[in-house]
Amino acid sequence: MGLMDKVKAQATVLAEKAQETARDSKARFDQAQAKKRGDVLLRNLGAAVYLERTGRGTQADIDRLIADIRTHESEHGISLTPESPDQAQAGGVPPQGGSPEDGSTDNPPRRDPNTTTQV
């Protein structure tokens, strides 16, 4: 096998790897976009339920969002569980320091910017 044949074979292998990497990257990007869309749909459903329960929304809005979520779920799947502890905290679990109600937070008390401290 000549030098040019070896170079050509190497270039072919590299081109195939580049194409495979591009396909994998596109698949991951599409998956991330679908997850983001699912998250938006679920957030909007929560907002629509809140609005309906407080007399500012309609059941029709909720039904439309549920239909959109079902369509999205059949096409992409959907995850209803948190993926990390940060997401669980966003759902109402107090941070590690405790909660303000029991006085056990690690955060210093908030200062009123309109109050001066005398030295």
N, C-alpha and C. Protein backbone atom coordinates (compact mmCIF):
# COMPACT_ATOMS: atom_id res chain seq x y z
N MET A 1 0.86 -1.17 0.00
CA MET A 1 0.00 0.00 0.00
C MET A 1 0.91 1.23 0.00
N GLY A 2 0.62 2.14 -0.92
CA GLY A 2 1.43 3.33 -1.03
C GLY A 2 1.05 4.37 0.01
N LEU A 3 1.88 5.37 0.09
CA LEU A 3 1.67 6.45 1.05
C LEU A 3 0.33 7.15 0.81
N MET A 4 0.01 7.41 -0.45
CA MET A 4 -1.25 8.09 -0.78
C MET A 4 -2.45 7.24 -0.39
N ASP A 5 -2.35 5.92 -0.54
CA ASP A 5 -3.44 5.04 -0.14
C ASP A 5 -3.66 5.08 1.36
N LYS A 6 -2.56 5.12 2.12
CA LYS A 6 -2.67 5.20 3.58
C LYS A 6 -3.28 6.53 4.01
N VAL A 7 -2.87 7.61 3.37
CA VAL A 7 -3.43 8.93 3.68
C VAL A 7 -4.91 8.97 3.35
N LYS A 8 -5.28 8.40 2.21
CA LYS A 8 -6.68 8.38 1.79
C LYS A 8 -7.52 7.55 2.78
N ALA A 9 -7.00 6.40 3.21
CA ALA A 9 -7.72 5.55 4.17
C ALA A 9 -7.89 6.28 5.50
N GLN A 10 -6.84 6.96 5.94
CA GLN A 10 -6.90 7.71 7.19
C GLN A 10 -7.93 8.84 7.09
N ALA A 11 -7.94 9.53 5.96
CA ALA A 11 -8.88 10.63 5.75
C ALA A 11 -10.32 10.11 5.74
N THR A 12 -10.52 8.95 5.16
CA THR A 12 -11.86 8.36 5.13
C THR A 12 -12.33 8.02 6.54
N VAL A 13 -11.45 7.44 7.34
CA VAL A 13 -11.79 7.10 8.72
C VAL A 13 -12.12 8.37 9.51
N LEU A 14 -11.31 9.40 9.35
CA LEU A 14 -11.56 10.65 10.06
C LEU A 14 -12.88 11.30 9.63
N ALA A 15 -13.18 11.25 8.33
CA ALA A 15 -14.43 11.82 7.83
C ALA A 15 -15.63 11.07 8.41
N GLU A 16 -15.53 9.75 8.50
CA GLU A 16 -16.62 8.96 9.08
C GLU A 16 -16.81 9.29 10.56
N LYS A 17 -15.72 9.45 11.28
CA LYS A 17 -15.81 9.81 12.70
C LYS A 17 -16.42 11.20 12.87
N ALA A 18 -16.04 12.12 12.01
CA ALA A 18 -16.61 13.47 12.07
C ALA A 18 -18.10 13.45 11.81
N GLN A 19 -18.54 12.65 10.83
CA GLN A 19 -19.96 12.54 10.54
C GLN A 19 -20.72 11.91 11.70
N GLU A 20 -20.14 10.89 12.31
CA GLU A 20 -20.75 10.23 13.45
C GLU A 20 -20.88 11.20 14.62
N THR A 21 -19.84 11.97 14.86
CA THR A 21 -19.87 12.97 15.94
C THR A 21 -20.94 14.02 15.67
N ALA A 22 -21.05 14.45 14.42
CA ALA A 22 -22.07 15.44 14.07
C ALA A 22 -23.47 14.88 14.28
N ARG A 23 -23.69 13.61 13.91
CA ARG A 23 -25.01 12.98 14.12
C ARG A 23 -25.32 12.88 15.62
N ASP A 24 -24.32 12.47 16.40
CA ASP A 24 -24.53 12.36 17.85
C ASP A 24 -24.82 13.72 18.47
N SER A 25 -24.10 14.73 18.04
CA SER A 25 -24.31 16.08 18.57
C SER A 25 -25.71 16.58 18.23
N LYS A 26 -26.15 16.34 17.00
CA LYS A 26 -27.48 16.77 16.58
C LYS A 26 -28.55 16.04 17.40
N ALA A 27 -28.35 14.75 17.63
CA ALA A 27 -29.32 13.99 18.42
C ALA A 27 -29.39 14.52 19.84
N ARG A 28 -28.24 14.81 20.45
CA ARG A 28 -28.24 15.38 21.82
C ARG A 28 -28.90 16.75 21.83
N PHE A 29 -28.64 17.56 20.81
CA PHE A 29 -29.24 18.89 20.74
C PHE A 29 -30.76 18.77 20.61
N ASP A 30 -31.21 17.88 19.72
CA ASP A 30 -32.65 17.69 19.54
C ASP A 30 -33.31 17.20 20.82
N GLN A 31 -32.61 16.30 21.54
CA GLN A 31 -33.14 15.79 22.80
C GLN A 31 -33.23 16.91 23.84
N ALA A 32 -32.22 17.77 23.90
CA ALA A 32 -32.24 18.88 24.85
C ALA A 32 -33.36 19.86 24.51
N GLN A 33 -33.56 20.11 23.23
CA GLN A 33 -34.64 21.01 22.82
C GLN A 33 -36.00 20.43 23.18
N ALA A 34 -36.17 19.12 22.98
CA ALA A 34 -37.44 18.48 23.33
C ALA A 34 -37.68 18.53 24.83
N LYS A 35 -36.63 18.32 25.63
CA LYS A 35 -36.77 18.40 27.08
C LYS A 35 -37.15 19.81 27.51
N LYS A 36 -36.51 20.79 26.90
CA LYS A 36 -36.83 22.19 27.23
C LYS A 36 -38.28 22.49 26.88
N ARG A 37 -38.73 22.02 25.74
CA ARG A 37 -40.12 22.25 25.33
C ARG A 37 -41.07 21.56 26.32
N GLY A 38 -40.74 20.34 26.74
CA GLY A 38 -41.57 19.63 27.72
C GLY A 38 -41.63 20.38 29.04
N ASP A 39 -40.50 20.91 29.46
CA ASP A 39 -40.46 21.69 30.71
C ASP A 39 -41.35 22.93 30.60
N VAL A 40 -41.31 23.59 29.46
CA VAL A 40 -42.14 24.78 29.25
C VAL A 40 -43.62 24.40 29.27
N LEU A 41 -43.97 23.29 28.62
CA LEU A 41 -45.36 22.86 28.61
C LEU A 41 -45.86 22.55 30.02
N LEU A 42 -45.03 21.85 30.80
CA LEU A 42 -45.43 21.53 32.18
C LEU A 42 -45.54 22.78 33.04
N ARG A 43 -44.64 23.71 32.86
CA ARG A 43 -44.71 24.97 33.62
C ARG A 43 -45.98 25.73 33.25
N ASN A 44 -46.29 25.77 31.95
CA ASN A 44 -47.49 26.48 31.51
C ASN A 44 -48.75 25.80 32.03
N LEU A 45 -48.73 24.47 32.12
CA LEU A 45 -49.88 23.76 32.68
C LEU A 45 -50.07 24.14 34.15
N GLY A 46 -48.98 24.19 34.89
CA GLY A 46 -49.07 24.60 36.29
C GLY A 46 -49.63 26.00 36.43
N ALA A 47 -49.17 26.90 35.58
CA ALA A 47 -49.67 28.27 35.62
C ALA A 47 -51.15 28.32 35.25
N ALA A 48 -51.55 27.52 34.25
CA ALA A 48 -52.96 27.51 33.83
C ALA A 48 -53.86 26.96 34.94
N VAL A 49 -53.40 25.93 35.64
CA VAL A 49 -54.18 25.38 36.75
C VAL A 49 -54.30 26.42 37.85
N TYR A 50 -53.21 27.08 38.17
CA TYR A 50 -53.25 28.13 39.19
C TYR A 50 -54.25 29.23 38.80
N LEU A 51 -54.17 29.68 37.55
CA LEU A 51 -55.08 30.73 37.10
C LEU A 51 -56.53 30.27 37.15
N GLU A 52 -56.78 29.04 36.76
CA GLU A 52 -58.15 28.53 36.78
C GLU A 52 -58.66 28.42 38.21
N ARG A 53 -57.82 27.98 39.12
CA ARG A 53 -58.24 27.81 40.52
C ARG A 53 -58.44 29.15 41.22
N THR A 54 -57.81 30.19 40.71
CA THR A 54 -57.98 31.51 41.32
C THR A 54 -58.98 32.36 40.53
N GLY A 55 -59.71 31.73 39.62
CA GLY A 55 -60.77 32.41 38.90
C GLY A 55 -60.32 33.28 37.75
N ARG A 56 -59.08 33.12 37.32
CA ARG A 56 -58.59 33.98 36.24
C ARG A 56 -58.28 33.19 34.96
N GLY A 57 -58.53 31.89 34.96
CA GLY A 57 -58.26 31.06 33.79
C GLY A 57 -59.45 30.18 33.51
N THR A 58 -59.32 29.37 32.45
CA THR A 58 -60.43 28.50 32.07
C THR A 58 -59.97 27.06 31.98
N GLN A 59 -60.92 26.14 32.13
CA GLN A 59 -60.64 24.72 31.97
C GLN A 59 -60.21 24.43 30.54
N ALA A 60 -60.70 25.19 29.59
CA ALA A 60 -60.33 25.00 28.18
C ALA A 60 -58.82 25.20 27.98
N ASP A 61 -58.24 26.18 28.67
CA ASP A 61 -56.79 26.39 28.58
C ASP A 61 -56.04 25.17 29.11
N ILE A 62 -56.51 24.62 30.22
CA ILE A 62 -55.87 23.45 30.81
C ILE A 62 -55.98 22.26 29.86
N ASP A 63 -57.18 22.06 29.30
CA ASP A 63 -57.39 20.93 28.39
C ASP A 63 -56.50 21.04 27.15
N ARG A 64 -56.31 22.26 26.64
CA ARG A 64 -55.46 22.47 25.47
C ARG A 64 -54.01 22.12 25.80
N LEU A 65 -53.55 22.57 26.97
CA LEU A 65 -52.18 22.27 27.38
C LEU A 65 -51.97 20.78 27.62
N ILE A 66 -52.95 20.11 28.20
CA ILE A 66 -52.83 18.67 28.42
C ILE A 66 -52.74 17.95 27.08
N ALA A 67 -53.51 18.39 26.09
CA ALA A 67 -53.43 17.78 24.75
C ALA A 67 -52.05 18.01 24.14
N ASP A 68 -51.51 19.22 24.31
CA ASP A 68 -50.16 19.51 23.81
C ASP A 68 -49.11 18.64 24.50
N ILE A 69 -49.26 18.44 25.81
CA ILE A 69 -48.31 17.62 26.56
C ILE A 69 -48.40 16.16 26.11
N ARG A 70 -49.62 15.67 25.90
CA ARG A 70 -49.78 14.29 25.42
C ARG A 70 -49.10 14.10 24.07
N THR A 71 -49.27 15.06 23.19
CA THR A 71 -48.63 14.98 21.87
C THR A 71 -47.12 14.98 22.02
N HIS A 72 -46.62 15.89 22.82
CA HIS A 72 -45.17 15.97 23.04
C HIS A 72 -44.65 14.68 23.66
N GLU A 73 -45.39 14.14 24.63
CA GLU A 73 -44.97 12.91 25.30
C GLU A 73 -44.93 11.74 24.32
N SER A 74 -45.89 11.65 23.43
CA SER A 74 -45.90 10.54 22.48
C SER A 74 -44.77 10.66 21.47
N GLU A 75 -44.35 11.89 21.16
CA GLU A 75 -43.27 12.10 20.20
C GLU A 75 -41.88 12.02 20.83
N HIS A 76 -41.74 12.53 22.05
CA HIS A 76 -40.41 12.68 22.65
C HIS A 76 -40.27 12.03 24.02
N GLY A 77 -41.35 11.63 24.63
CA GLY A 77 -41.28 11.20 26.02
C GLY A 77 -41.27 12.45 26.88
N ILE A 78 -41.44 12.25 28.17
CA ILE A 78 -41.44 13.40 29.07
C ILE A 78 -41.06 12.91 30.46
N SER A 79 -40.30 13.69 31.15
CA SER A 79 -39.85 13.32 32.49
C SER A 79 -40.57 14.19 33.51
N LEU A 80 -41.19 13.53 34.47
CA LEU A 80 -41.90 14.27 35.51
C LEU A 80 -41.16 14.26 36.83
N THR A 81 -39.94 13.73 36.85
CA THR A 81 -39.16 13.69 38.09
C THR A 81 -37.97 14.63 37.99
N PRO A 82 -37.58 15.25 39.10
CA PRO A 82 -36.42 16.12 39.08
C PRO A 82 -35.16 15.34 38.73
N GLU A 83 -34.22 16.00 38.07
CA GLU A 83 -32.98 15.36 37.68
C GLU A 83 -31.85 15.63 38.65
N SER A 84 -31.98 16.67 39.47
CA SER A 84 -30.89 17.01 40.38
C SER A 84 -31.48 17.58 41.67
N PRO A 85 -30.69 17.62 42.73
CA PRO A 85 -31.17 18.21 43.98
C PRO A 85 -31.58 19.67 43.81
N ASP A 86 -30.94 20.39 42.89
CA ASP A 86 -31.30 21.80 42.67
C ASP A 86 -32.74 21.92 42.21
N GLN A 87 -33.17 21.03 41.31
CA GLN A 87 -34.54 21.07 40.83
C GLN A 87 -35.51 20.72 41.95
N ALA A 88 -35.13 19.79 42.82
CA ALA A 88 -35.98 19.44 43.95
C ALA A 88 -36.16 20.63 44.87
N GLN A 89 -35.09 21.41 45.09
CA GLN A 89 -35.19 22.59 45.94
C GLN A 89 -36.12 23.62 45.32
N ALA A 90 -36.12 23.73 44.00
CA ALA A 90 -37.01 24.67 43.34
C ALA A 90 -38.46 24.28 43.57
N GLY A 91 -38.71 23.00 43.88
CA GLY A 91 -40.06 22.53 44.14
C GLY A 91 -40.53 22.77 45.54
N GLY A 92 -39.78 23.46 46.36
CA GLY A 92 -40.26 23.82 47.68
C GLY A 92 -39.50 23.19 48.83
N VAL A 93 -38.53 22.37 48.57
CA VAL A 93 -37.74 21.79 49.66
C VAL A 93 -36.77 22.85 50.15
N PRO A 94 -36.67 23.09 51.44
CA PRO A 94 -35.77 24.14 51.92
C PRO A 94 -34.31 23.77 51.65
N PRO A 95 -33.45 24.77 51.49
CA PRO A 95 -32.04 24.48 51.30
C PRO A 95 -31.44 23.84 52.53
N GLN A 96 -30.19 23.40 52.43
CA GLN A 96 -29.55 22.66 53.51
C GLN A 96 -29.59 23.39 54.84
N GLY A 97 -29.55 24.69 54.83
CA GLY A 97 -29.49 25.45 56.07
C GLY A 97 -30.76 25.44 56.87
N GLY A 98 -31.87 24.95 56.34
CA GLY A 98 -33.13 24.93 57.06
C GLY A 98 -34.10 25.90 56.42
N SER A 99 -35.11 26.27 57.17
CA SER A 99 -36.11 27.19 56.64
C SER A 99 -36.19 28.43 57.50
N PRO A 100 -36.63 29.53 56.92
CA PRO A 100 -36.75 30.75 57.70
C PRO A 100 -37.76 30.61 58.84
N GLU A 101 -38.78 29.74 58.67
CA GLU A 101 -39.79 29.60 59.70
C GLU A 101 -39.21 29.06 61.01
N ASP A 102 -38.24 28.12 60.91
CA ASP A 102 -37.70 27.57 62.14
C ASP A 102 -36.44 28.30 62.60
N GLY A 103 -36.06 29.35 61.88
CA GLY A 103 -34.93 30.17 62.29
C GLY A 103 -33.58 29.50 62.14
N SER A 104 -33.50 28.45 61.33
CA SER A 104 -32.24 27.71 61.24
C SER A 104 -31.52 27.88 59.91
N THR A 105 -31.69 28.98 59.24
CA THR A 105 -30.98 29.18 57.98
C THR A 105 -29.56 29.62 58.25
N ASP A 106 -28.70 29.36 57.29
CA ASP A 106 -27.31 29.79 57.38
C ASP A 106 -27.13 31.21 56.86
N ASN A 107 -28.21 31.79 56.38
CA ASN A 107 -28.14 33.13 55.81
C ASN A 107 -28.22 34.18 56.91
N PRO A 108 -27.44 35.26 56.80
CA PRO A 108 -27.55 36.33 57.79
C PRO A 108 -28.89 37.04 57.63
N PRO A 109 -29.36 37.69 58.68
CA PRO A 109 -30.64 38.40 58.57
C PRO A 109 -30.52 39.53 57.55
N ARG A 110 -31.63 39.78 56.88
CA ARG A 110 -31.66 40.86 55.89
C ARG A 110 -31.66 42.20 56.60
N ARG A 111 -30.92 43.15 56.01
CA ARG A 111 -30.88 44.49 56.59
C ARG A 111 -31.77 45.40 55.78
N ASP A 112 -32.44 46.28 56.45
CA ASP A 112 -33.25 47.28 55.80
C ASP A 112 -32.31 48.37 55.29
N PRO A 113 -32.29 48.63 53.95
CA PRO A 113 -31.38 49.63 53.42
C PRO A 113 -31.69 51.05 53.90
N ASN A 114 -32.89 51.26 54.44
CA ASN A 114 -33.28 52.60 54.91
C ASN A 114 -32.86 52.83 56.36
N THR A 115 -32.33 51.80 57.01
CA THR A 115 -31.92 51.92 58.40
C THR A 115 -30.42 52.11 58.47
N THR A 116 -29.98 53.00 59.34
CA THR A 116 -28.54 53.20 59.50
C THR A 116 -28.08 52.52 60.78
N THR A 117 -26.84 52.10 60.78
CA THR A 117 -26.25 51.45 61.95
C THR A 117 -25.27 52.43 62.57
N GLN A 118 -25.43 52.65 63.87
CA GLN A 118 -24.52 53.56 64.54
C GLN A 118 -23.32 52.78 65.06
N VAL A 119 -22.15 53.41 64.97
CA VAL A 119 -20.93 52.75 65.41
C VAL A 119 -20.51 53.28 66.75
